[in-house]
């Protein structure tokens, strides 16, 4: 992905990417533009509405991530981390949990040997969660879901509410 040139706002660059050759680059860029907690909230709201095949384990993960976003404290993050460590399988819910768990703390299981998380990992995992949820949708829905995630995220980044993004069938052309 070529970085924006000149005085292009992150919102405008995201929309340009969305209309380009690789629209998934818009999701990746947007996840990196947001602060960590906001990136997780954005991803969570997209995953909550788009992933229709949630297991009880997925629902538990989404509740824990919601609590972390709302509280933002280390205890809530560690609860998410514990759930991620025990998670069986691979899903959009797992990846949004991974995004929250990598928002801070140490990568090392040894408390005497701290290894700070890399700053970009939250965005990478939030992007992965959203892409995972979108990929599970039918081909007639993916493009609209991606546009809706970006649109809702831009509105949120500009101070609006972050609604749950729902998958809607595109009208036949």
N, C-alpha and C. Protein backbone atom coordinates (compact mmCIF):
# COMPACT_ATOMS: atom_id res chain seq x y z
N UNK A 1 0.85 -1.16 0.00
CA UNK A 1 0.00 0.00 0.00
C UNK A 1 0.90 1.23 0.00
N UNK A 2 0.66 2.11 -0.93
CA UNK A 2 1.40 3.36 -1.01
C UNK A 2 0.77 4.36 -0.05
N UNK A 3 1.58 4.98 0.81
CA UNK A 3 1.02 5.95 1.75
C UNK A 3 0.45 7.16 1.03
N UNK A 4 -0.48 7.86 1.68
CA UNK A 4 -1.08 9.04 1.04
C UNK A 4 -0.03 10.12 0.82
N UNK A 5 -0.24 10.90 -0.21
CA UNK A 5 0.67 12.02 -0.47
C UNK A 5 -0.09 13.32 -0.28
N UNK A 6 0.65 14.34 0.13
CA UNK A 6 0.03 15.65 0.30
C UNK A 6 -0.85 15.71 1.53
N UNK A 7 -1.83 16.57 1.45
CA UNK A 7 -2.74 16.81 2.57
C UNK A 7 -4.03 16.00 2.44
N UNK A 8 -3.90 14.70 2.34
CA UNK A 8 -5.06 13.82 2.24
C UNK A 8 -5.41 13.36 3.65
N UNK A 9 -6.67 13.56 4.04
CA UNK A 9 -7.09 13.12 5.38
C UNK A 9 -7.13 11.59 5.43
N UNK A 10 -6.97 11.02 6.62
CA UNK A 10 -7.08 9.56 6.74
C UNK A 10 -8.43 9.04 6.22
N UNK A 11 -9.49 9.81 6.46
CA UNK A 11 -10.81 9.38 5.99
C UNK A 11 -10.85 9.33 4.46
N UNK A 12 -10.33 10.39 3.80
CA UNK A 12 -10.34 10.42 2.34
C UNK A 12 -9.45 9.33 1.76
N UNK A 13 -8.30 9.10 2.38
CA UNK A 13 -7.40 8.05 1.89
C UNK A 13 -8.05 6.68 2.05
N UNK A 14 -8.74 6.46 3.16
CA UNK A 14 -9.45 5.19 3.37
C UNK A 14 -10.49 4.97 2.27
N UNK A 15 -11.24 6.01 1.95
CA UNK A 15 -12.26 5.89 0.90
C UNK A 15 -11.62 5.67 -0.47
N UNK A 16 -10.48 6.29 -0.72
CA UNK A 16 -9.75 6.06 -1.98
C UNK A 16 -9.31 4.61 -2.08
N UNK A 17 -8.78 4.08 -0.99
CA UNK A 17 -8.38 2.67 -0.98
C UNK A 17 -9.58 1.75 -1.20
N UNK A 18 -10.71 2.09 -0.61
CA UNK A 18 -11.91 1.27 -0.74
C UNK A 18 -12.35 1.17 -2.20
N UNK A 19 -12.14 2.22 -2.97
CA UNK A 19 -12.53 2.24 -4.38
C UNK A 19 -11.42 1.74 -5.31
N UNK A 20 -10.26 1.40 -4.74
CA UNK A 20 -9.11 1.00 -5.54
C UNK A 20 -9.08 -0.48 -5.89
N UNK A 21 -7.92 -0.93 -6.35
CA UNK A 21 -7.74 -2.31 -6.80
C UNK A 21 -7.86 -3.32 -5.67
N UNK A 22 -7.46 -2.93 -4.45
CA UNK A 22 -7.51 -3.82 -3.29
C UNK A 22 -8.31 -3.16 -2.18
N UNK A 23 -9.64 -3.27 -2.22
CA UNK A 23 -10.45 -2.58 -1.21
C UNK A 23 -10.19 -3.05 0.22
N UNK A 24 -9.65 -4.27 0.39
CA UNK A 24 -9.33 -4.75 1.73
C UNK A 24 -8.21 -3.92 2.37
N UNK A 25 -7.42 -3.25 1.55
CA UNK A 25 -6.38 -2.36 2.08
C UNK A 25 -7.00 -1.22 2.88
N UNK A 26 -8.23 -0.84 2.55
CA UNK A 26 -8.92 0.22 3.30
C UNK A 26 -9.16 -0.22 4.74
N UNK A 27 -9.52 -1.48 4.92
CA UNK A 27 -9.75 -2.00 6.28
C UNK A 27 -8.44 -2.00 7.07
N UNK A 28 -7.37 -2.45 6.44
CA UNK A 28 -6.07 -2.51 7.09
C UNK A 28 -5.60 -1.11 7.48
N UNK A 29 -5.66 -0.18 6.54
CA UNK A 29 -5.24 1.19 6.82
C UNK A 29 -6.08 1.79 7.94
N UNK A 30 -7.40 1.62 7.85
CA UNK A 30 -8.29 2.24 8.83
C UNK A 30 -8.03 1.69 10.23
N UNK A 31 -7.79 0.40 10.34
CA UNK A 31 -7.51 -0.19 11.66
C UNK A 31 -6.25 0.42 12.27
N UNK A 32 -5.28 0.77 11.42
CA UNK A 32 -4.04 1.36 11.91
C UNK A 32 -4.18 2.85 12.26
N UNK A 33 -5.13 3.52 11.67
CA UNK A 33 -5.31 4.96 11.93
C UNK A 33 -5.92 5.20 13.31
N UNK A 34 -6.79 4.31 13.72
CA UNK A 34 -7.49 4.48 15.00
C UNK A 34 -6.56 4.16 16.18
N UNK A 35 -6.77 4.83 17.31
CA UNK A 35 -6.09 4.40 18.54
C UNK A 35 -6.53 2.97 18.88
N UNK A 36 -5.74 2.27 19.66
CA UNK A 36 -5.97 0.85 19.91
C UNK A 36 -7.39 0.53 20.39
N UNK A 37 -7.83 1.20 21.42
CA UNK A 37 -9.15 0.89 21.98
C UNK A 37 -10.25 1.15 20.96
N UNK A 38 -10.14 2.24 20.22
CA UNK A 38 -11.13 2.56 19.19
C UNK A 38 -11.09 1.56 18.04
N UNK A 39 -9.89 1.08 17.69
CA UNK A 39 -9.78 0.07 16.64
C UNK A 39 -10.49 -1.22 17.06
N UNK A 40 -10.34 -1.58 18.33
CA UNK A 40 -11.02 -2.78 18.83
C UNK A 40 -12.53 -2.57 18.84
N UNK A 41 -12.99 -1.39 19.28
CA UNK A 41 -14.43 -1.11 19.30
C UNK A 41 -15.00 -1.17 17.89
N UNK A 42 -14.31 -0.55 16.94
CA UNK A 42 -14.75 -0.58 15.54
C UNK A 42 -14.84 -2.03 15.06
N UNK A 43 -13.77 -2.81 15.27
CA UNK A 43 -13.78 -4.20 14.84
C UNK A 43 -14.87 -5.01 15.53
N UNK A 44 -15.04 -4.77 16.82
CA UNK A 44 -16.06 -5.48 17.60
C UNK A 44 -17.46 -5.22 17.04
N UNK A 45 -17.75 -3.97 16.72
CA UNK A 45 -19.08 -3.63 16.21
C UNK A 45 -19.31 -4.22 14.81
N UNK A 46 -18.25 -4.32 14.02
CA UNK A 46 -18.39 -4.97 12.71
C UNK A 46 -18.59 -6.47 12.88
N UNK A 47 -17.76 -7.10 13.71
CA UNK A 47 -17.85 -8.55 13.94
C UNK A 47 -19.20 -8.92 14.56
N UNK A 48 -19.66 -8.14 15.52
CA UNK A 48 -20.92 -8.44 16.20
C UNK A 48 -22.08 -8.54 15.22
N UNK A 49 -22.12 -7.64 14.26
CA UNK A 49 -23.23 -7.63 13.30
C UNK A 49 -23.04 -8.53 12.11
N UNK A 50 -21.81 -8.75 11.68
CA UNK A 50 -21.58 -9.50 10.45
C UNK A 50 -21.45 -10.99 10.65
N UNK A 51 -20.88 -11.42 11.75
CA UNK A 51 -20.65 -12.84 11.98
C UNK A 51 -21.91 -13.48 12.54
N UNK A 52 -22.59 -14.22 11.69
CA UNK A 52 -23.86 -14.82 12.08
C UNK A 52 -23.71 -16.23 12.63
N UNK A 53 -22.50 -16.74 12.71
CA UNK A 53 -22.30 -18.13 13.16
C UNK A 53 -21.56 -18.17 14.49
N UNK A 54 -21.99 -17.38 15.44
CA UNK A 54 -21.30 -17.29 16.72
C UNK A 54 -21.64 -18.48 17.62
N UNK A 55 -20.60 -19.07 18.19
CA UNK A 55 -20.76 -20.13 19.17
C UNK A 55 -20.90 -19.49 20.56
N UNK A 56 -21.25 -20.27 21.57
CA UNK A 56 -21.23 -19.72 22.93
C UNK A 56 -19.87 -19.15 23.32
N UNK A 57 -18.80 -19.80 22.85
CA UNK A 57 -17.45 -19.30 23.13
C UNK A 57 -17.21 -17.94 22.46
N UNK A 58 -17.72 -17.78 21.23
CA UNK A 58 -17.63 -16.50 20.53
C UNK A 58 -18.38 -15.41 21.30
N UNK A 59 -19.59 -15.74 21.73
CA UNK A 59 -20.41 -14.76 22.46
C UNK A 59 -19.73 -14.33 23.76
N UNK A 60 -19.11 -15.29 24.45
CA UNK A 60 -18.39 -14.97 25.67
C UNK A 60 -17.22 -14.02 25.36
N UNK A 61 -16.50 -14.31 24.28
CA UNK A 61 -15.37 -13.46 23.89
C UNK A 61 -15.85 -12.04 23.59
N UNK A 62 -16.94 -11.92 22.87
CA UNK A 62 -17.46 -10.59 22.54
C UNK A 62 -17.88 -9.82 23.79
N UNK A 63 -18.44 -10.52 24.77
CA UNK A 63 -18.79 -9.87 26.05
C UNK A 63 -17.54 -9.38 26.78
N UNK A 64 -16.51 -10.21 26.80
CA UNK A 64 -15.27 -9.82 27.48
C UNK A 64 -14.60 -8.64 26.78
N UNK A 65 -14.60 -8.65 25.46
CA UNK A 65 -14.01 -7.55 24.71
C UNK A 65 -14.80 -6.27 24.93
N UNK A 66 -16.13 -6.39 24.96
CA UNK A 66 -16.97 -5.22 25.25
C UNK A 66 -16.63 -4.63 26.61
N UNK A 67 -16.46 -5.50 27.60
CA UNK A 67 -16.11 -5.04 28.95
C UNK A 67 -14.75 -4.35 28.94
N UNK A 68 -13.79 -4.88 28.18
CA UNK A 68 -12.48 -4.24 28.10
C UNK A 68 -12.59 -2.86 27.44
N UNK A 69 -13.35 -2.76 26.36
CA UNK A 69 -13.49 -1.46 25.70
C UNK A 69 -14.13 -0.46 26.65
N UNK A 70 -15.14 -0.89 27.38
CA UNK A 70 -15.85 0.02 28.28
C UNK A 70 -15.01 0.40 29.50
N UNK A 71 -14.26 -0.57 30.06
CA UNK A 71 -13.47 -0.31 31.27
C UNK A 71 -12.05 0.14 30.95
N UNK A 72 -11.47 -0.47 29.93
CA UNK A 72 -10.13 -0.12 29.51
C UNK A 72 -9.04 -0.40 30.51
N UNK A 73 -9.31 -1.26 31.48
CA UNK A 73 -8.29 -1.50 32.50
C UNK A 73 -7.57 -2.82 32.27
N UNK A 74 -6.46 -3.00 32.98
CA UNK A 74 -5.62 -4.17 32.81
C UNK A 74 -6.34 -5.45 33.23
N UNK A 75 -7.16 -5.38 34.25
CA UNK A 75 -7.90 -6.57 34.70
C UNK A 75 -8.82 -7.09 33.59
N UNK A 76 -9.52 -6.18 32.92
CA UNK A 76 -10.40 -6.58 31.82
C UNK A 76 -9.59 -7.14 30.65
N UNK A 77 -8.44 -6.52 30.37
CA UNK A 77 -7.58 -7.01 29.28
C UNK A 77 -7.07 -8.42 29.59
N UNK A 78 -6.70 -8.65 30.84
CA UNK A 78 -6.22 -9.97 31.23
C UNK A 78 -7.34 -11.02 31.16
N UNK A 79 -8.57 -10.62 31.41
CA UNK A 79 -9.71 -11.55 31.25
C UNK A 79 -9.87 -11.95 29.79
N UNK A 80 -9.71 -10.97 28.91
CA UNK A 80 -9.76 -11.27 27.47
C UNK A 80 -8.60 -12.18 27.10
N UNK A 81 -7.41 -11.86 27.60
CA UNK A 81 -6.22 -12.66 27.30
C UNK A 81 -6.43 -14.12 27.72
N UNK A 82 -6.99 -14.33 28.90
CA UNK A 82 -7.24 -15.70 29.37
C UNK A 82 -8.21 -16.43 28.45
N UNK A 83 -9.25 -15.74 28.00
CA UNK A 83 -10.22 -16.36 27.09
C UNK A 83 -9.58 -16.67 25.74
N UNK A 84 -8.72 -15.78 25.26
CA UNK A 84 -8.01 -16.02 23.99
C UNK A 84 -7.12 -17.25 24.13
N UNK A 85 -6.42 -17.35 25.25
CA UNK A 85 -5.52 -18.49 25.47
C UNK A 85 -6.27 -19.82 25.50
N UNK A 86 -7.52 -19.81 25.95
CA UNK A 86 -8.32 -21.03 26.06
C UNK A 86 -9.22 -21.28 24.85
N UNK A 87 -9.29 -20.33 23.94
CA UNK A 87 -10.22 -20.39 22.81
C UNK A 87 -9.91 -21.59 21.92
N UNK A 88 -10.94 -22.31 21.56
CA UNK A 88 -10.81 -23.46 20.67
C UNK A 88 -11.35 -23.07 19.30
N UNK A 89 -10.51 -23.07 18.31
CA UNK A 89 -10.97 -22.75 16.97
C UNK A 89 -10.47 -21.40 16.51
N UNK A 90 -11.02 -20.97 15.39
CA UNK A 90 -10.60 -19.74 14.74
C UNK A 90 -11.87 -19.03 14.26
N UNK A 91 -12.03 -17.78 14.65
CA UNK A 91 -13.22 -17.04 14.26
C UNK A 91 -12.94 -15.56 14.34
N UNK A 92 -13.85 -14.76 13.82
CA UNK A 92 -13.74 -13.30 13.91
C UNK A 92 -13.73 -12.87 15.38
N UNK A 93 -14.51 -13.55 16.21
CA UNK A 93 -14.54 -13.23 17.64
C UNK A 93 -13.19 -13.49 18.31
N UNK A 94 -12.55 -14.59 17.93
CA UNK A 94 -11.21 -14.87 18.45
C UNK A 94 -10.25 -13.74 18.10
N UNK A 95 -10.29 -13.29 16.84
CA UNK A 95 -9.33 -12.27 16.40
C UNK A 95 -9.59 -10.91 17.02
N UNK A 96 -10.85 -10.58 17.29
CA UNK A 96 -11.08 -9.30 17.97
C UNK A 96 -10.66 -9.42 19.43
N UNK A 97 -10.80 -10.61 20.01
CA UNK A 97 -10.26 -10.84 21.34
C UNK A 97 -8.75 -10.73 21.36
N UNK A 98 -8.11 -11.29 20.35
CA UNK A 98 -6.65 -11.19 20.24
C UNK A 98 -6.25 -9.72 20.12
N UNK A 99 -6.99 -8.93 19.36
CA UNK A 99 -6.68 -7.50 19.21
C UNK A 99 -6.71 -6.80 20.57
N UNK A 100 -7.75 -7.07 21.36
CA UNK A 100 -7.83 -6.45 22.69
C UNK A 100 -6.71 -6.94 23.59
N UNK A 101 -6.41 -8.24 23.53
CA UNK A 101 -5.38 -8.80 24.41
C UNK A 101 -4.00 -8.24 24.09
N UNK A 102 -3.77 -7.85 22.84
CA UNK A 102 -2.46 -7.33 22.43
C UNK A 102 -2.38 -5.80 22.51
N UNK A 103 -3.36 -5.20 23.15
CA UNK A 103 -3.39 -3.73 23.25
C UNK A 103 -2.42 -3.19 24.30
N UNK A 104 -1.87 -4.06 25.10
CA UNK A 104 -0.94 -3.64 26.15
C UNK A 104 -0.39 -4.85 26.86
N UNK A 105 0.24 -4.61 27.97
CA UNK A 105 0.77 -5.71 28.76
C UNK A 105 2.04 -6.28 28.16
N UNK A 106 2.34 -7.51 28.54
CA UNK A 106 3.57 -8.18 28.13
C UNK A 106 3.25 -9.42 27.32
N UNK A 107 4.08 -9.70 26.34
CA UNK A 107 3.93 -10.93 25.55
C UNK A 107 4.50 -12.15 26.29
N UNK A 108 5.30 -11.89 27.29
CA UNK A 108 5.95 -12.97 28.02
C UNK A 108 5.04 -13.53 29.11
N UNK A 109 4.96 -14.86 29.21
CA UNK A 109 4.20 -15.45 30.31
C UNK A 109 4.93 -15.33 31.65
N UNK A 110 6.21 -14.99 31.59
CA UNK A 110 7.03 -14.84 32.79
C UNK A 110 6.96 -13.39 33.27
N UNK A 111 6.33 -13.13 34.42
CA UNK A 111 6.18 -11.75 34.88
C UNK A 111 7.51 -11.06 35.19
N UNK A 112 8.58 -11.84 35.36
CA UNK A 112 9.89 -11.26 35.64
C UNK A 112 10.65 -10.88 34.36
N UNK A 113 10.11 -11.27 33.20
CA UNK A 113 10.75 -10.95 31.92
C UNK A 113 9.71 -10.31 31.01
N UNK A 114 9.56 -9.01 31.12
CA UNK A 114 8.54 -8.27 30.36
C UNK A 114 8.98 -8.08 28.90
N UNK A 115 8.06 -8.39 28.00
CA UNK A 115 8.24 -8.14 26.57
C UNK A 115 7.03 -7.34 26.11
N UNK A 116 7.20 -6.05 25.93
CA UNK A 116 6.08 -5.20 25.55
C UNK A 116 5.50 -5.63 24.21
N UNK A 117 4.18 -5.52 24.09
CA UNK A 117 3.53 -5.84 22.82
C UNK A 117 3.93 -4.79 21.78
N UNK A 118 4.01 -5.21 20.56
CA UNK A 118 4.35 -4.30 19.47
C UNK A 118 3.13 -3.42 19.18
N UNK A 119 3.35 -2.14 18.93
CA UNK A 119 2.22 -1.21 18.83
C UNK A 119 1.24 -1.49 17.69
N UNK A 120 1.68 -2.17 16.63
CA UNK A 120 0.80 -2.39 15.48
C UNK A 120 -0.06 -3.66 15.59
N UNK A 121 0.20 -4.51 16.58
CA UNK A 121 -0.49 -5.80 16.63
C UNK A 121 -1.99 -5.69 16.85
N UNK A 122 -2.42 -4.71 17.64
CA UNK A 122 -3.86 -4.54 17.85
C UNK A 122 -4.56 -4.26 16.53
N UNK A 123 -4.00 -3.36 15.73
CA UNK A 123 -4.61 -3.01 14.44
C UNK A 123 -4.61 -4.20 13.49
N UNK A 124 -3.51 -4.95 13.46
CA UNK A 124 -3.42 -6.12 12.58
C UNK A 124 -4.52 -7.12 12.93
N UNK A 125 -4.70 -7.38 14.22
CA UNK A 125 -5.72 -8.35 14.64
C UNK A 125 -7.14 -7.82 14.47
N UNK A 126 -7.36 -6.53 14.72
CA UNK A 126 -8.70 -5.95 14.49
C UNK A 126 -9.05 -6.05 13.00
N UNK A 127 -8.09 -5.73 12.14
CA UNK A 127 -8.30 -5.87 10.71
C UNK A 127 -8.61 -7.32 10.36
N UNK A 128 -7.85 -8.25 10.93
CA UNK A 128 -8.09 -9.67 10.67
C UNK A 128 -9.48 -10.11 11.09
N UNK A 129 -9.95 -9.61 12.22
CA UNK A 129 -11.29 -9.96 12.70
C UNK A 129 -12.35 -9.48 11.73
N UNK A 130 -12.23 -8.23 11.28
CA UNK A 130 -13.23 -7.68 10.34
C UNK A 130 -13.17 -8.44 9.02
N UNK A 131 -11.96 -8.70 8.52
CA UNK A 131 -11.85 -9.44 7.25
C UNK A 131 -12.39 -10.86 7.38
N UNK A 132 -12.16 -11.50 8.52
CA UNK A 132 -12.67 -12.84 8.78
C UNK A 132 -14.20 -12.83 8.71
N UNK A 133 -14.82 -11.84 9.36
CA UNK A 133 -16.29 -11.75 9.37
C UNK A 133 -16.82 -11.48 7.97
N UNK A 134 -16.17 -10.60 7.22
CA UNK A 134 -16.62 -10.27 5.87
C UNK A 134 -16.45 -11.47 4.94
N UNK A 135 -15.34 -12.20 5.09
CA UNK A 135 -15.08 -13.35 4.22
C UNK A 135 -16.14 -14.44 4.37
N UNK A 136 -16.76 -14.52 5.54
CA UNK A 136 -17.77 -15.55 5.78
C UNK A 136 -19.11 -15.22 5.12
N UNK A 137 -19.24 -14.00 4.61
CA UNK A 137 -20.49 -13.58 3.97
C UNK A 137 -20.51 -14.02 2.52
N UNK A 138 -21.69 -14.04 1.94
CA UNK A 138 -21.83 -14.37 0.53
C UNK A 138 -21.24 -13.28 -0.36
N UNK A 139 -20.88 -13.64 -1.59
CA UNK A 139 -20.25 -12.66 -2.48
C UNK A 139 -21.12 -11.44 -2.77
N UNK A 140 -22.42 -11.57 -2.73
CA UNK A 140 -23.29 -10.42 -2.97
C UNK A 140 -23.41 -9.49 -1.78
N UNK A 141 -22.79 -9.86 -0.67
CA UNK A 141 -22.91 -9.08 0.56
C UNK A 141 -21.57 -8.48 0.99
N UNK A 142 -20.49 -9.10 0.61
CA UNK A 142 -19.16 -8.69 1.10
C UNK A 142 -18.84 -7.22 0.82
N UNK A 143 -19.05 -6.79 -0.41
CA UNK A 143 -18.68 -5.42 -0.78
C UNK A 143 -19.46 -4.41 0.03
N UNK A 144 -20.75 -4.64 0.19
CA UNK A 144 -21.58 -3.72 0.96
C UNK A 144 -21.18 -3.75 2.44
N UNK A 145 -20.87 -4.91 2.97
CA UNK A 145 -20.45 -5.01 4.37
C UNK A 145 -19.14 -4.25 4.59
N UNK A 146 -18.23 -4.37 3.64
CA UNK A 146 -16.97 -3.64 3.75
C UNK A 146 -17.21 -2.14 3.73
N UNK A 147 -18.03 -1.68 2.81
CA UNK A 147 -18.37 -0.25 2.73
C UNK A 147 -19.04 0.22 4.02
N UNK A 148 -19.94 -0.60 4.55
CA UNK A 148 -20.65 -0.22 5.78
C UNK A 148 -19.70 -0.17 6.98
N UNK A 149 -18.76 -1.10 7.06
CA UNK A 149 -17.77 -1.07 8.15
C UNK A 149 -16.94 0.20 8.07
N UNK A 150 -16.49 0.54 6.87
CA UNK A 150 -15.67 1.74 6.70
C UNK A 150 -16.50 2.99 6.98
N UNK A 151 -17.70 3.05 6.45
CA UNK A 151 -18.57 4.22 6.66
C UNK A 151 -18.87 4.44 8.14
N UNK A 152 -19.24 3.37 8.82
CA UNK A 152 -19.54 3.48 10.26
C UNK A 152 -18.28 3.87 11.03
N UNK A 153 -17.14 3.30 10.64
CA UNK A 153 -15.89 3.63 11.31
C UNK A 153 -15.48 5.07 11.12
N UNK A 154 -15.65 5.59 9.92
CA UNK A 154 -15.31 7.00 9.66
C UNK A 154 -16.22 7.90 10.47
N UNK A 155 -17.50 7.59 10.51
CA UNK A 155 -18.43 8.38 11.32
C UNK A 155 -18.01 8.36 12.79
N UNK A 156 -17.63 7.19 13.28
CA UNK A 156 -17.16 7.04 14.65
C UNK A 156 -15.89 7.86 14.89
N UNK A 157 -14.93 7.77 13.96
CA UNK A 157 -13.67 8.51 14.10
C UNK A 157 -13.90 10.02 14.11
N UNK A 158 -14.98 10.45 13.48
CA UNK A 158 -15.30 11.88 13.43
C UNK A 158 -16.20 12.31 14.59
N UNK A 159 -16.42 11.42 15.56
CA UNK A 159 -17.16 11.78 16.76
C UNK A 159 -18.57 11.23 16.85
N UNK A 160 -19.01 10.49 15.85
CA UNK A 160 -20.35 9.90 15.88
C UNK A 160 -20.38 8.60 16.65
N UNK A 161 -21.55 8.03 16.73
CA UNK A 161 -21.71 6.73 17.39
C UNK A 161 -21.15 5.64 16.49
N UNK A 162 -20.79 4.50 17.08
CA UNK A 162 -20.33 3.35 16.29
C UNK A 162 -21.40 2.27 16.38
N UNK A 163 -22.28 2.24 15.37
CA UNK A 163 -23.36 1.25 15.40
C UNK A 163 -22.85 -0.15 15.09
N UNK A 164 -23.64 -1.15 15.42
CA UNK A 164 -23.36 -2.50 14.97
C UNK A 164 -23.58 -2.51 13.46
N UNK A 165 -22.63 -3.05 12.72
CA UNK A 165 -22.72 -3.12 11.26
C UNK A 165 -23.39 -4.44 10.90
N UNK A 166 -24.51 -4.34 10.21
CA UNK A 166 -25.26 -5.54 9.84
C UNK A 166 -25.03 -5.90 8.38
N UNK A 167 -25.03 -7.20 8.09
CA UNK A 167 -24.89 -7.66 6.72
C UNK A 167 -26.22 -7.50 6.01
N UNK A 168 -26.20 -6.80 4.89
CA UNK A 168 -27.42 -6.58 4.10
C UNK A 168 -27.17 -7.08 2.69
N UNK A 169 -28.11 -7.78 2.15
CA UNK A 169 -27.99 -8.26 0.78
C UNK A 169 -28.02 -7.07 -0.17
N UNK A 170 -27.09 -7.03 -1.11
CA UNK A 170 -27.08 -5.96 -2.08
C UNK A 170 -28.23 -6.16 -3.06
N UNK A 171 -28.79 -5.06 -3.51
CA UNK A 171 -29.87 -5.14 -4.49
C UNK A 171 -29.28 -5.61 -5.83
N UNK A 172 -30.03 -6.40 -6.54
CA UNK A 172 -29.58 -6.88 -7.85
C UNK A 172 -29.48 -5.70 -8.81
N UNK A 173 -28.45 -5.73 -9.64
CA UNK A 173 -28.23 -4.63 -10.60
C UNK A 173 -28.69 -5.03 -11.95
